[in-house]
Structures are given as structure tokens and as C-alpha cells.
Amino acid sequence: MKSCGEVTKYSKLIVMFVLVCLTYQGRISATLQFNKVFVGGTAWLPCGFSNPKNISLDSLMIFFQKEQHGETKVVYELYKGVEKQTHQNIKYQNRTKLDLYTLTLQISGVTPEDGGIYECVVLSKQGSEHSDKLHSKEQHLNVTANFSKPVIMQSPEGRVSAGMAINLSASSTQGYPKPEDVYWRITVVNGTIKNYNANNSFIKDNATGLYNINSILTLKVTEDTKVSFIIQSSWQQTISSSEFRIYIQTIPPQAERIHLFALLGFGIIPSLFLFLFLFFWLRRMRNQNIPSASYIDSDGLSMHILELLNRRRIFTVPTATKESHLLFTV
């Protein structure tokens, strides 16, 4: 077993490690504060200067600045108690206001472009040339906008049969920032759940800076299915569509019999009527081709006509010439 001295030694090391971690975490929190604001809302950025010596604002220079694309932009400047717009970036003019008691900066009408790291700097103005840096604090402004509830559409619409391939499309609009992940969730009747990545497109609106999402999934349906489209934002916020249900349509036995009778009624019966019509029409035409009384050249009489005549009761009457006979049929 370990001695009490060794246990005490390890305990001290653990306590020191915890204190170091807490101190490091506290420094990070003190130097970089995170603020979240929605697009169109108002951001509040505290400077964090406590002014322990109670220095008058007339002797201080307070300004907020932002680093963006390698360029430092002046967001707000208070020079000896007076607001100055000489160096202020044009995008922040008429949108900023400083609370002189708490030294908290207010930015109204937040846009996606306002997101980023801001720094508040406090200088003590000593004479006309020299300035002492009294305070500096950085904080991160996170701008967000919730995507609209995704809407799912099916193509082709209507009844779905087993084994049929359909296209599902989902759309969501006016969100920020670009989501970390989007996917389809498919649930079948036995409870099996599968996630699918599909053909996704993210379109940024140049006017607003917001994103629109379109996604298309081709799915072969073999059984009743539930479908959802899910957006996972960078703030661990999940936005899901309403559950879209796909039902496999089957034809019951009674409907199959009705379907068979319909085929008989609309297919076979008209064909039978057509056959009978053609039969009687041909028979009538054949009867009309044999005259009741006519003069026929006996030398040119074909065998076919002779057969027809033999089937009838006929007799001949000699005429004035030997070349012809008068035929009568009864």
C-alpha cells in the first residue's frame, strides 16, 4: 500500500492541475467572450473596463475595432467624451451607440457581415502626444438566422407501388450561417432508421447574405416509409421537416375481379359484336352478287359461278340464239 505521504503528494498534484486548468479557462473567457445575436436584431458588446481610478471620460479614448479580411475597421470611437465619425467605417455609421455608464456598445440592424471578433481598447490621453493603454478586451459576435421549416415534395405525385423509384425534394430558406450538415432520415415500418446524404445545393443571397438550401433524393420504395429532412446548424440547433409519409398502394382481390370484368366488358364483348357484324355483312354482300335474272355468256361462265348456281334451284329457257340462255332462279 502507498504511504500517506505519497497520497498527499498525488493529491497536491491533482489540485494544482485543476487550478491551472481553471485559471487557463478563466483567462480565455476573460480575453474572448462569445455573444450570439439574430440577423436584424441588436448586439450588445461590453467593453469590460471597470475604471478603477475613476478617470473622467474627458481624459479617455475608447474605441471598438474589428479585424476583417486583413483590415482593421473602426466600429465606434469616443474621444474625450465626444463621439467621432471621422475614422468610423461607413457600414457602422448611424447603427452604433455607447452606454456611457457601462461602456457597452450597441449595434442595431445586425447583418451576417457583422459577425466576427471585436476589440475594445481604452487609452488614457496624457497631453497631446502621449497615450497609455489602460484596457483591452476581445469578444466574438456570432450572427445567426434560423432556417425555415423544410418542405418536402414528391415526384411523381400520386399512388406509389412497391419497387417504384420516386424523387423527393426538400427546400429551406433564409438561414445563417451555412449549416454544418444536412441529411435525409428514412424510417420503414419495422423501425429501421437510415440517414442519407443527397444532392444538396446551398445558394447564398447576395443582398441579405442568407442561405437557401435545396436537396434532391432518389428513393426506391418497397414498403410504407416515413421521411424527414434535417438541418444541423453550427450552434447544435436541429431543424427538421414535418414527417412525410409514403404509403404503398395495393389492389384488393375484389378490386382485381372488378378490373378483370371491366377488361372483358370493354375488350372481348365489342370484339364479338364486330365479328358478328362482319359475318352478316359479308354474307349479305355475297347474296347481292347473284342476280335474280340476267343474261350470261355460257362460254365465259367461271367454275365459281357454276358452283353457286348448282346450290340453287335453277332452270334454263332457250333463247333465240344458241350462244345464250335465259336463267331464272326460284
Protein backbone atom coordinates (compact mmCIF):
# COMPACT_ATOMS: atom_id res chain seq x y z
CA MET A 1 0.00 0.00 0.00
CA LYS A 2 1.06 3.57 -0.67
CA SER A 3 2.14 5.69 2.26
CA CYS A 4 0.21 8.71 3.44
CA GLY A 5 2.99 10.94 2.15
CA GLU A 6 2.66 9.60 -1.38
CA VAL A 7 -1.11 10.00 -1.32
CA THR A 8 -0.74 13.60 -0.14
CA LYS A 9 1.80 14.25 -2.88
CA TYR A 10 -0.50 12.97 -5.63
CA SER A 11 -3.42 14.89 -4.15
CA LYS A 12 -1.46 18.13 -4.32
CA LEU A 13 -0.53 17.47 -7.94
CA ILE A 14 -4.17 16.88 -8.86
CA VAL A 15 -5.27 20.07 -7.10
CA MET A 16 -2.57 22.07 -8.87
CA PHE A 17 -3.58 20.63 -12.23
CA VAL A 18 -7.24 21.57 -11.66
CA LEU A 19 -6.27 25.08 -10.60
CA VAL A 20 -4.13 25.54 -13.70
CA CYS A 21 -6.99 24.38 -15.93
CA LEU A 22 -9.47 26.70 -14.24
CA THR A 23 -7.05 29.61 -14.45
CA TYR A 24 -6.39 28.97 -18.14
CA GLN A 25 -10.10 28.67 -18.83
CA GLY A 26 -10.73 31.90 -16.93
CA ARG A 27 -8.14 33.73 -18.99
CA ILE A 28 -9.70 32.50 -22.20
CA SER A 29 -13.13 33.60 -21.02
CA ALA A 30 -11.75 36.96 -19.96
CA THR A 31 -9.97 37.63 -23.23
CA LEU A 32 -12.55 36.24 -25.68
CA GLN A 33 -16.23 36.46 -24.87
CA PHE A 34 -18.87 34.94 -27.16
CA ASN A 35 -22.08 36.78 -27.98
CA LYS A 36 -24.92 35.46 -30.10
CA VAL A 37 -27.41 37.63 -31.97
CA PHE A 38 -30.00 37.02 -34.67
CA VAL A 39 -29.98 38.75 -38.03
CA GLY A 40 -31.91 42.01 -37.80
CA GLY A 41 -31.51 42.15 -34.02
CA THR A 42 -29.34 44.28 -31.74
CA ALA A 43 -25.90 43.27 -30.49
CA TRP A 44 -24.51 44.36 -27.11
CA LEU A 45 -20.72 44.36 -26.74
CA PRO A 46 -19.49 45.25 -23.23
CA CYS A 47 -16.06 46.83 -23.10
CA GLY A 48 -15.38 45.41 -19.64
CA PHE A 49 -13.45 48.44 -18.40
CA SER A 50 -14.16 48.96 -14.69
CA ASN A 51 -12.26 52.28 -14.46
CA PRO A 52 -10.79 51.61 -11.00
CA LYS A 53 -9.13 55.06 -10.81
CA ASN A 54 -12.37 56.77 -11.75
CA ILE A 55 -10.79 58.61 -14.65
CA SER A 56 -13.04 61.13 -16.33
CA LEU A 57 -14.26 60.34 -19.86
CA ASP A 58 -12.77 63.67 -20.89
CA SER A 59 -9.34 62.08 -20.38
CA LEU A 60 -10.10 58.77 -22.12
CA MET A 61 -10.13 57.47 -25.69
CA ILE A 62 -12.49 54.50 -26.13
CA PHE A 63 -12.92 52.75 -29.40
CA PHE A 64 -14.18 49.43 -30.76
CA GLN A 65 -12.50 47.90 -33.77
CA LYS A 66 -12.92 44.77 -35.86
CA GLU A 67 -10.43 42.75 -37.88
CA GLN A 68 -11.93 41.54 -41.16
CA HIS A 69 -10.24 40.28 -44.31
CA GLY A 70 -6.87 41.55 -43.07
CA GLU A 71 -8.22 45.04 -42.49
CA THR A 72 -8.92 46.79 -39.19
CA LYS A 73 -12.25 48.63 -39.21
CA VAL A 74 -13.17 51.26 -36.64
CA VAL A 75 -16.65 50.39 -35.41
CA TYR A 76 -17.03 53.17 -32.83
CA GLU A 77 -14.87 55.91 -31.32
CA LEU A 78 -15.35 58.07 -28.23
CA TYR A 79 -12.70 60.77 -28.00
CA LYS A 80 -12.61 62.68 -24.69
CA GLY A 81 -16.32 62.11 -24.12
CA VAL A 82 -17.38 63.02 -27.68
CA GLU A 83 -18.42 60.57 -30.44
CA LYS A 84 -16.32 60.85 -33.59
CA GLN A 85 -17.21 59.50 -37.04
CA THR A 86 -14.01 60.62 -38.73
CA HIS A 87 -12.45 57.16 -38.65
CA GLN A 88 -15.65 55.13 -38.29
CA ASN A 89 -16.33 52.57 -41.03
CA ILE A 90 -19.27 53.65 -43.17
CA LYS A 91 -21.12 50.35 -42.60
CA TYR A 92 -21.45 51.14 -38.90
CA GLN A 93 -22.45 54.76 -39.13
CA ASN A 94 -25.87 55.55 -37.61
CA ARG A 95 -26.02 51.98 -36.24
CA THR A 96 -23.89 52.27 -33.08
CA LYS A 97 -24.42 53.78 -29.67
CA LEU A 98 -22.33 53.58 -26.46
CA ASP A 99 -23.79 53.38 -22.96
CA LEU A 100 -21.54 55.86 -21.11
CA TYR A 101 -22.17 54.22 -17.73
CA THR A 102 -21.42 50.59 -18.59
CA LEU A 103 -19.33 51.31 -21.70
CA THR A 104 -21.37 48.74 -23.62
CA LEU A 105 -21.60 49.22 -27.39
CA GLN A 106 -24.94 48.74 -29.08
CA ILE A 107 -25.04 47.69 -32.78
CA SER A 108 -28.51 47.73 -34.34
CA GLY A 109 -29.78 46.04 -37.51
CA VAL A 110 -27.23 43.23 -37.35
CA THR A 111 -26.34 41.57 -40.65
CA PRO A 112 -24.34 38.38 -41.32
CA GLU A 113 -21.37 40.54 -42.25
CA ASP A 114 -21.26 41.94 -38.69
CA GLY A 115 -20.13 38.60 -37.31
CA GLY A 116 -16.52 38.32 -36.14
CA ILE A 117 -14.07 39.33 -33.41
CA TYR A 118 -14.35 42.81 -31.88
CA GLU A 119 -11.84 44.52 -29.63
CA CYS A 120 -12.49 47.30 -27.16
CA VAL A 121 -9.46 49.47 -26.40
CA VAL A 122 -9.27 52.16 -23.68
CA LEU A 123 -6.46 54.73 -23.76
CA SER A 124 -5.62 57.43 -21.26
CA LYS A 125 -4.88 60.68 -23.04
CA GLN A 126 -1.87 62.39 -21.44
CA GLY A 127 -1.25 65.68 -23.20
CA SER A 128 -1.32 65.95 -26.95
CA GLU A 129 1.28 63.32 -27.86
CA HIS A 130 1.32 60.51 -25.31
CA SER A 131 -1.40 57.84 -24.65
CA ASP A 132 -1.33 54.97 -22.15
CA LYS A 133 -3.23 51.74 -22.89
CA LEU A 134 -5.41 51.04 -19.86
CA HIS A 135 -7.60 48.20 -21.10
CA SER A 136 -8.16 45.79 -23.99
CA LYS A 137 -10.82 43.11 -24.44
CA GLU A 138 -11.73 40.86 -27.37
CA GLN A 139 -15.11 39.24 -27.90
CA HIS A 140 -16.68 37.20 -30.63
CA LEU A 141 -20.00 38.19 -32.15
CA ASN A 142 -21.84 35.22 -33.64
CA VAL A 143 -24.63 36.11 -36.04
CA THR A 144 -27.30 33.54 -36.82
CA ALA A 145 -30.64 33.20 -38.59
CA ASN A 146 -32.93 30.21 -38.29
CA PHE A 147 -33.68 28.33 -41.49
CA SER A 148 -37.33 27.98 -42.37
CA LYS A 149 -39.01 24.64 -41.66
CA PRO A 150 -38.04 22.35 -44.57
CA VAL A 151 -40.79 21.40 -47.01
CA ILE A 152 -40.73 18.00 -48.77
CA MET A 153 -42.29 17.38 -52.20
CA GLN A 154 -42.72 14.09 -54.08
CA SER A 155 -42.35 13.47 -57.82
CA PRO A 156 -44.24 11.92 -59.48
CA GLU A 157 -47.23 12.61 -57.30
CA GLY A 158 -49.99 10.14 -56.61
CA ARG A 159 -50.04 6.42 -55.93
CA VAL A 160 -46.75 4.62 -55.23
CA SER A 161 -46.37 0.92 -55.98
CA ALA A 162 -43.83 -1.45 -54.45
CA GLY A 163 -40.41 -1.17 -56.10
CA MET A 164 -41.20 2.22 -57.62
CA ALA A 165 -38.43 4.87 -57.69
CA ILE A 166 -39.51 8.39 -56.71
CA ASN A 167 -37.75 11.73 -56.34
CA LEU A 168 -38.06 13.63 -53.07
CA SER A 169 -37.09 17.31 -52.91
CA ALA A 170 -36.64 19.43 -49.79
CA SER A 171 -36.17 23.18 -49.50
CA SER A 172 -35.43 25.61 -46.68
CA THR A 173 -34.71 29.33 -46.87
CA GLN A 174 -33.19 32.39 -45.17
CA GLY A 175 -30.74 30.78 -42.75
CA TYR A 176 -27.26 31.67 -41.50
CA PRO A 177 -24.54 30.54 -41.25
CA LYS A 178 -24.17 27.72 -43.75
CA PRO A 179 -25.21 24.56 -41.88
CA GLU A 180 -22.64 22.02 -40.78
CA ASP A 181 -24.70 19.09 -42.05
CA VAL A 182 -27.96 18.32 -43.84
CA TYR A 183 -29.33 14.83 -44.38
CA TRP A 184 -32.42 12.70 -45.03
CA ARG A 185 -33.76 10.31 -42.39
CA ILE A 186 -35.69 7.29 -43.68
CA THR A 187 -37.78 5.14 -41.32
CA VAL A 188 -39.56 1.97 -42.52
CA VAL A 189 -42.40 0.06 -40.87
CA ASN A 190 -40.16 -2.31 -38.91
CA GLY A 191 -38.49 0.67 -37.21
CA THR A 192 -35.23 0.63 -39.17
CA ILE A 193 -33.75 4.14 -39.46
CA LYS A 194 -31.21 5.16 -42.09
CA ASN A 195 -29.63 8.54 -42.79
CA TYR A 196 -28.84 9.52 -46.38
CA ASN A 197 -26.74 12.31 -47.83
CA ALA A 198 -28.14 13.52 -51.13
CA ASN A 199 -27.52 16.10 -53.83
CA ASN A 200 -27.52 19.33 -51.81
CA SER A 201 -27.12 22.89 -53.02
CA PHE A 202 -26.51 25.97 -50.86
CA ILE A 203 -27.37 29.27 -52.54
CA LYS A 204 -26.26 32.50 -50.87
CA ASP A 205 -28.41 35.58 -51.32
CA ASN A 206 -26.00 38.39 -52.20
CA ALA A 207 -28.42 41.04 -50.94
CA THR A 208 -29.03 39.58 -47.46
CA GLY A 209 -26.08 37.21 -47.01
CA LEU A 210 -28.50 34.42 -46.02
CA TYR A 211 -28.53 30.87 -47.39
CA ASN A 212 -31.21 28.85 -49.17
CA ILE A 213 -31.00 25.04 -49.24
CA ASN A 214 -32.27 22.66 -51.91
CA SER A 215 -31.85 18.88 -51.73
CA ILE A 216 -32.98 16.01 -54.00
CA LEU A 217 -33.10 12.34 -53.01
CA THR A 218 -33.99 9.43 -55.31
CA LEU A 219 -35.59 6.66 -53.27
CA LYS A 220 -36.77 3.17 -54.28
CA VAL A 221 -39.80 2.41 -52.15
CA THR A 222 -40.58 -1.19 -51.20
CA GLU A 223 -42.76 -0.64 -48.14
CA ASP A 224 -44.54 2.08 -46.18
CA THR A 225 -41.93 4.73 -45.35
CA LYS A 226 -41.55 7.87 -43.22
CA VAL A 227 -39.18 10.57 -44.44
CA SER A 228 -37.67 13.62 -42.70
CA PHE A 229 -35.17 16.25 -43.85
CA ILE A 230 -32.85 17.56 -41.12
CA ILE A 231 -30.61 20.64 -40.93
CA GLN A 232 -27.82 20.69 -38.35
CA SER A 233 -26.59 24.23 -37.65
CA SER A 234 -23.22 25.28 -36.30
CA TRP A 235 -24.89 26.10 -32.95
CA GLN A 236 -26.00 22.49 -32.49
CA GLN A 237 -29.51 23.54 -33.40
CA THR A 238 -31.54 20.97 -35.29
CA ILE A 239 -34.32 21.97 -37.67
CA SER A 240 -36.44 19.13 -39.02
CA SER A 241 -39.22 18.96 -41.57
CA SER A 242 -42.64 17.60 -40.80
CA GLU A 243 -42.78 13.82 -41.20
CA PHE A 244 -43.54 12.92 -44.81
CA ARG A 245 -45.32 9.57 -45.22
CA ILE A 246 -45.24 7.32 -48.27
CA TYR A 247 -47.81 4.51 -48.46
CA ILE A 248 -47.57 1.54 -50.83
CA GLN A 249 -50.85 1.17 -52.72
CA THR A 250 -52.12 -2.42 -53.24
CA ILE A 251 -55.19 -3.67 -55.21
CA PRO A 252 -57.52 -5.86 -53.07
CA PRO A 253 -58.83 -9.20 -54.57
CA GLN A 254 -62.34 -7.81 -55.06
CA ALA A 255 -60.93 -4.87 -57.00
CA GLU A 256 -58.88 -7.27 -59.13
CA ARG A 257 -62.06 -9.18 -60.08
CA ILE A 258 -63.81 -5.94 -60.95
CA HIS A 259 -60.79 -4.99 -63.03
CA LEU A 260 -60.98 -8.34 -64.88
CA PHE A 261 -64.70 -7.93 -65.59
CA ALA A 262 -64.02 -4.45 -66.90
CA LEU A 263 -61.43 -5.85 -69.31
CA LEU A 264 -63.95 -8.43 -70.52
CA GLY A 265 -66.66 -5.86 -70.91
CA PHE A 266 -64.57 -3.32 -72.77
CA GLY A 267 -62.40 -5.74 -74.75
CA ILE A 268 -63.90 -9.09 -75.61
CA ILE A 269 -67.58 -8.18 -75.97
CA PRO A 270 -67.01 -5.35 -78.51
CA SER A 271 -64.76 -7.69 -80.46
CA LEU A 272 -67.55 -10.29 -80.58
CA PHE A 273 -70.05 -7.74 -81.86
CA LEU A 274 -67.58 -6.65 -84.53
CA PHE A 275 -67.07 -10.25 -85.65
CA LEU A 276 -70.83 -10.85 -85.95
CA PHE A 277 -71.30 -7.62 -87.88
CA LEU A 278 -68.58 -8.55 -90.38
CA PHE A 279 -70.00 -12.07 -90.74
CA PHE A 280 -73.53 -10.90 -91.64
CA TRP A 281 -72.26 -8.06 -93.81
CA LEU A 282 -70.12 -10.43 -95.93
CA ARG A 283 -73.00 -12.87 -96.21
CA ARG A 284 -75.32 -10.16 -97.42
CA MET A 285 -72.79 -8.91 -99.95
CA ARG A 286 -72.34 -12.42 -101.34
CA ASN A 287 -76.09 -12.81 -101.77
CA GLN A 288 -76.31 -9.49 -103.59
CA ASN A 289 -73.65 -10.58 -106.12
CA ILE A 290 -76.00 -13.27 -107.63
CA PRO A 291 -78.71 -11.60 -109.82
CA SER A 292 -82.29 -12.91 -109.90
CA ALA A 293 -82.46 -12.71 -113.70
CA SER A 294 -79.66 -11.97 -116.17
CA TYR A 295 -78.14 -12.97 -119.45
CA ILE A 296 -74.83 -14.78 -119.07
CA ASP A 297 -72.43 -15.90 -121.72
CA SER A 298 -72.27 -19.69 -121.33
CA ASP A 299 -68.76 -19.89 -122.81
CA GLY A 300 -67.32 -17.41 -120.21
CA LEU A 301 -69.07 -18.82 -117.17
CA SER A 302 -66.46 -19.50 -114.45
CA MET A 303 -66.35 -22.54 -112.28
CA HIS A 304 -67.04 -20.46 -109.22
CA ILE A 305 -70.34 -19.16 -110.62
CA LEU A 306 -71.30 -22.71 -111.65
CA GLU A 307 -70.86 -23.86 -108.07
CA LEU A 308 -73.07 -21.08 -106.84
CA LEU A 309 -75.71 -21.92 -109.41
CA ASN A 310 -75.63 -25.60 -108.59
CA ARG A 311 -76.53 -24.73 -105.00
CA ARG A 312 -79.71 -23.06 -106.18
CA ARG A 313 -82.79 -24.40 -107.94
CA ILE A 314 -82.40 -23.11 -111.45
CA PHE A 315 -83.76 -23.97 -114.90
CA THR A 316 -82.94 -22.58 -118.30
CA VAL A 317 -85.14 -21.38 -121.11
CA PRO A 318 -83.68 -21.46 -124.64
CA THR A 319 -83.43 -18.11 -126.32
CA ALA A 320 -83.36 -17.09 -129.92
CA THR A 321 -79.64 -17.73 -130.11
CA LYS A 322 -77.59 -20.80 -129.32
CA GLU A 323 -74.91 -18.78 -127.60
CA SER A 324 -77.03 -17.67 -124.65
CA HIS A 325 -79.59 -18.98 -122.18
CA LEU A 326 -82.09 -17.13 -120.02
CA LEU A 327 -81.63 -18.12 -116.40
CA PHE A 328 -84.34 -17.99 -113.79
CA THR A 329 -83.89 -18.62 -110.18
CA VAL A 330 -86.61 -19.58 -107.74
